[in-house]
Amino acid sequence: MQCVICHGTEIETRHVDEEVLVERDVVFIPVDVLVCRSCGERYYDRKTKQYLEVVTEKVKNGTAQLRDVGRVSVFAA
């Protein structure tokens, strides 16, 4: 396989955390995807894309089981 962005050939499977924005929250969804070692372009197969869509919908409608890992506060001037 050749990267469509940089035309590199070093593409490997990596564990990544896909970010999903829900209102003011950021949710990380861990998935394994193909990633170009040269430029970082990610390639998603159909099964992974469908999984991300299902999990994103669960997060948006409040049925996903989430674990808080931190809290960020914003100063309102």
N, C-alpha and C. Protein backbone atom coordinates (compact mmCIF):
# COMPACT_ATOMS: atom_id res chain seq x y z
N MET A 1 0.85 -1.18 0.00
CA MET A 1 0.00 0.00 0.00
C MET A 1 0.89 1.24 0.00
N GLN A 2 0.44 2.26 -0.71
CA GLN A 2 1.19 3.51 -0.78
C GLN A 2 0.32 4.64 -0.25
N CYS A 3 0.90 5.52 0.54
CA CYS A 3 0.17 6.64 1.12
C CYS A 3 -0.31 7.59 0.02
N VAL A 4 -1.57 7.99 0.10
CA VAL A 4 -2.12 8.90 -0.91
C VAL A 4 -1.65 10.34 -0.70
N ILE A 5 -1.12 10.65 0.47
CA ILE A 5 -0.66 12.01 0.76
C ILE A 5 0.81 12.20 0.39
N CYS A 6 1.69 11.38 0.98
CA CYS A 6 3.13 11.57 0.77
C CYS A 6 3.75 10.50 -0.13
N HIS A 7 2.97 9.52 -0.54
CA HIS A 7 3.42 8.43 -1.40
C HIS A 7 4.43 7.51 -0.73
N GLY A 8 4.52 7.61 0.60
CA GLY A 8 5.39 6.70 1.34
C GLY A 8 4.82 5.29 1.33
N THR A 9 5.68 4.32 1.59
CA THR A 9 5.24 2.92 1.58
C THR A 9 5.30 2.27 2.95
N GLU A 10 5.73 3.01 3.95
CA GLU A 10 5.82 2.46 5.30
C GLU A 10 4.53 2.74 6.06
N ILE A 11 3.55 1.87 5.86
CA ILE A 11 2.25 2.01 6.50
C ILE A 11 2.09 0.82 7.44
N GLU A 12 1.75 1.11 8.70
CA GLU A 12 1.65 0.06 9.70
C GLU A 12 0.39 0.24 10.54
N THR A 13 -0.01 -0.84 11.17
CA THR A 13 -1.15 -0.78 12.09
C THR A 13 -0.68 -0.19 13.41
N ARG A 14 -1.41 0.79 13.90
CA ARG A 14 -1.09 1.42 15.19
C ARG A 14 -2.36 1.56 16.02
N HIS A 15 -2.16 1.57 17.32
CA HIS A 15 -3.25 1.84 18.26
C HIS A 15 -3.32 3.36 18.44
N VAL A 16 -4.45 3.95 18.11
CA VAL A 16 -4.62 5.40 18.23
C VAL A 16 -5.89 5.71 19.02
N ASP A 17 -5.96 6.89 19.57
CA ASP A 17 -7.16 7.37 20.24
C ASP A 17 -7.82 8.40 19.33
N GLU A 18 -8.95 8.02 18.76
CA GLU A 18 -9.70 8.92 17.89
C GLU A 18 -10.48 9.91 18.76
N GLU A 19 -10.41 11.19 18.47
CA GLU A 19 -11.10 12.22 19.25
C GLU A 19 -12.49 12.48 18.69
N VAL A 20 -13.47 12.51 19.60
CA VAL A 20 -14.84 12.85 19.24
C VAL A 20 -15.25 14.02 20.11
N LEU A 21 -15.72 15.10 19.49
CA LEU A 21 -16.18 16.26 20.24
C LEU A 21 -17.67 16.16 20.47
N VAL A 22 -18.08 16.26 21.73
CA VAL A 22 -19.49 16.24 22.10
C VAL A 22 -19.73 17.45 22.99
N GLU A 23 -20.42 18.42 22.44
CA GLU A 23 -20.61 19.72 23.10
C GLU A 23 -19.24 20.27 23.48
N ARG A 24 -18.94 20.39 24.78
CA ARG A 24 -17.64 20.94 25.19
C ARG A 24 -16.69 19.86 25.67
N ASP A 25 -17.07 18.59 25.48
CA ASP A 25 -16.25 17.48 25.94
C ASP A 25 -15.51 16.83 24.77
N VAL A 26 -14.35 16.28 25.08
CA VAL A 26 -13.58 15.51 24.12
C VAL A 26 -13.56 14.08 24.63
N VAL A 27 -13.99 13.14 23.78
CA VAL A 27 -14.00 11.72 24.13
C VAL A 27 -13.00 11.01 23.24
N PHE A 28 -12.13 10.20 23.85
CA PHE A 28 -11.15 9.43 23.10
C PHE A 28 -11.67 8.01 22.91
N ILE A 29 -11.69 7.55 21.66
CA ILE A 29 -12.12 6.20 21.34
C ILE A 29 -10.90 5.44 20.83
N PRO A 30 -10.44 4.43 21.56
CA PRO A 30 -9.26 3.68 21.12
C PRO A 30 -9.60 2.73 19.97
N VAL A 31 -8.80 2.79 18.90
CA VAL A 31 -8.96 1.91 17.74
C VAL A 31 -7.59 1.58 17.16
N ASP A 32 -7.54 0.49 16.40
CA ASP A 32 -6.35 0.12 15.65
C ASP A 32 -6.59 0.46 14.19
N VAL A 33 -5.72 1.29 13.60
CA VAL A 33 -5.87 1.71 12.21
C VAL A 33 -4.51 1.68 11.52
N LEU A 34 -4.55 1.71 10.19
CA LEU A 34 -3.32 1.83 9.42
C LEU A 34 -2.87 3.29 9.43
N VAL A 35 -1.57 3.51 9.68
CA VAL A 35 -1.02 4.86 9.76
C VAL A 35 0.27 4.92 8.95
N CYS A 36 0.41 5.96 8.16
CA CYS A 36 1.65 6.17 7.41
C CYS A 36 2.73 6.64 8.38
N ARG A 37 3.87 5.98 8.36
CA ARG A 37 4.97 6.35 9.26
C ARG A 37 5.61 7.67 8.85
N SER A 38 5.48 8.07 7.59
CA SER A 38 6.11 9.30 7.12
C SER A 38 5.31 10.55 7.48
N CYS A 39 4.00 10.53 7.20
CA CYS A 39 3.21 11.75 7.39
C CYS A 39 2.09 11.63 8.42
N GLY A 40 1.80 10.41 8.88
CA GLY A 40 0.77 10.24 9.90
C GLY A 40 -0.64 10.09 9.37
N GLU A 41 -0.82 10.05 8.07
CA GLU A 41 -2.16 9.87 7.50
C GLU A 41 -2.75 8.56 8.00
N ARG A 42 -4.03 8.60 8.41
CA ARG A 42 -4.71 7.41 8.92
C ARG A 42 -5.65 6.84 7.87
N TYR A 43 -5.75 5.51 7.86
CA TYR A 43 -6.63 4.81 6.93
C TYR A 43 -7.56 3.91 7.72
N TYR A 44 -8.87 4.12 7.55
CA TYR A 44 -9.88 3.40 8.31
C TYR A 44 -10.59 2.40 7.41
N ASP A 45 -10.70 1.15 7.88
CA ASP A 45 -11.50 0.20 7.13
C ASP A 45 -12.98 0.42 7.47
N ARG A 46 -13.84 -0.22 6.73
CA ARG A 46 -15.29 -0.03 6.90
C ARG A 46 -15.76 -0.41 8.30
N LYS A 47 -15.24 -1.51 8.82
CA LYS A 47 -15.65 -1.99 10.15
C LYS A 47 -15.28 -0.98 11.23
N THR A 48 -14.08 -0.44 11.16
CA THR A 48 -13.63 0.55 12.14
C THR A 48 -14.45 1.83 12.03
N LYS A 49 -14.73 2.28 10.82
CA LYS A 49 -15.52 3.49 10.62
C LYS A 49 -16.93 3.31 11.20
N GLN A 50 -17.53 2.14 10.95
CA GLN A 50 -18.86 1.87 11.50
C GLN A 50 -18.83 1.84 13.02
N TYR A 51 -17.78 1.25 13.59
CA TYR A 51 -17.61 1.21 15.05
C TYR A 51 -17.53 2.63 15.61
N LEU A 52 -16.74 3.49 14.98
CA LEU A 52 -16.62 4.88 15.44
C LEU A 52 -17.96 5.61 15.36
N GLU A 53 -18.74 5.35 14.31
CA GLU A 53 -20.05 5.98 14.17
C GLU A 53 -21.00 5.52 15.27
N VAL A 54 -20.99 4.22 15.59
CA VAL A 54 -21.87 3.68 16.64
C VAL A 54 -21.49 4.26 18.00
N VAL A 55 -20.20 4.26 18.32
CA VAL A 55 -19.75 4.78 19.60
C VAL A 55 -20.03 6.27 19.71
N THR A 56 -19.80 7.02 18.64
CA THR A 56 -20.08 8.45 18.65
C THR A 56 -21.55 8.72 18.92
N GLU A 57 -22.43 7.96 18.31
CA GLU A 57 -23.87 8.12 18.55
C GLU A 57 -24.22 7.80 20.00
N LYS A 58 -23.62 6.76 20.56
CA LYS A 58 -23.86 6.43 21.97
C LYS A 58 -23.38 7.54 22.90
N VAL A 59 -22.24 8.14 22.57
CA VAL A 59 -21.73 9.25 23.38
C VAL A 59 -22.69 10.43 23.30
N LYS A 60 -23.17 10.74 22.11
CA LYS A 60 -24.05 11.89 21.93
C LYS A 60 -25.40 11.71 22.62
N ASN A 61 -25.92 10.47 22.63
CA ASN A 61 -27.23 10.28 23.27
C ASN A 61 -27.13 9.86 24.73
N GLY A 62 -25.90 9.80 25.27
CA GLY A 62 -25.71 9.57 26.69
C GLY A 62 -25.76 8.12 27.14
N THR A 63 -25.70 7.16 26.20
CA THR A 63 -25.77 5.75 26.58
C THR A 63 -24.40 5.07 26.65
N ALA A 64 -23.34 5.76 26.29
CA ALA A 64 -21.99 5.19 26.34
C ALA A 64 -21.48 5.21 27.77
N GLN A 65 -20.77 4.16 28.14
CA GLN A 65 -20.14 4.12 29.45
C GLN A 65 -18.78 4.79 29.34
N LEU A 66 -18.67 5.95 29.97
CA LEU A 66 -17.44 6.73 29.89
C LEU A 66 -16.76 6.78 31.24
N ARG A 67 -15.44 6.93 31.21
CA ARG A 67 -14.64 7.05 32.42
C ARG A 67 -13.95 8.41 32.37
N ASP A 68 -14.17 9.24 33.39
CA ASP A 68 -13.51 10.53 33.45
C ASP A 68 -12.03 10.33 33.76
N VAL A 69 -11.18 11.03 33.00
CA VAL A 69 -9.75 10.93 33.23
C VAL A 69 -9.14 12.27 33.61
N GLY A 70 -9.93 13.28 33.68
CA GLY A 70 -9.42 14.59 34.05
C GLY A 70 -10.49 15.64 33.89
N ARG A 71 -10.15 16.83 34.26
CA ARG A 71 -11.09 17.93 34.17
C ARG A 71 -10.31 19.17 33.73
N VAL A 72 -10.88 19.90 32.83
CA VAL A 72 -10.26 21.14 32.35
C VAL A 72 -11.19 22.28 32.67
N SER A 73 -10.66 23.30 33.26
CA SER A 73 -11.45 24.49 33.57
C SER A 73 -10.99 25.64 32.69
N VAL A 74 -11.93 26.49 32.32
CA VAL A 74 -11.63 27.63 31.49
C VAL A 74 -11.98 28.89 32.26
N PHE A 75 -11.06 29.83 32.30
CA PHE A 75 -11.29 31.09 32.98
C PHE A 75 -12.22 31.95 32.13
N ALA A 76 -13.28 32.40 32.73
CA ALA A 76 -14.24 33.27 32.03
C ALA A 76 -13.98 34.69 32.47
N ALA A 77 -13.37 35.47 31.60
CA ALA A 77 -13.02 36.86 31.93
C ALA A 77 -14.19 37.77 31.73
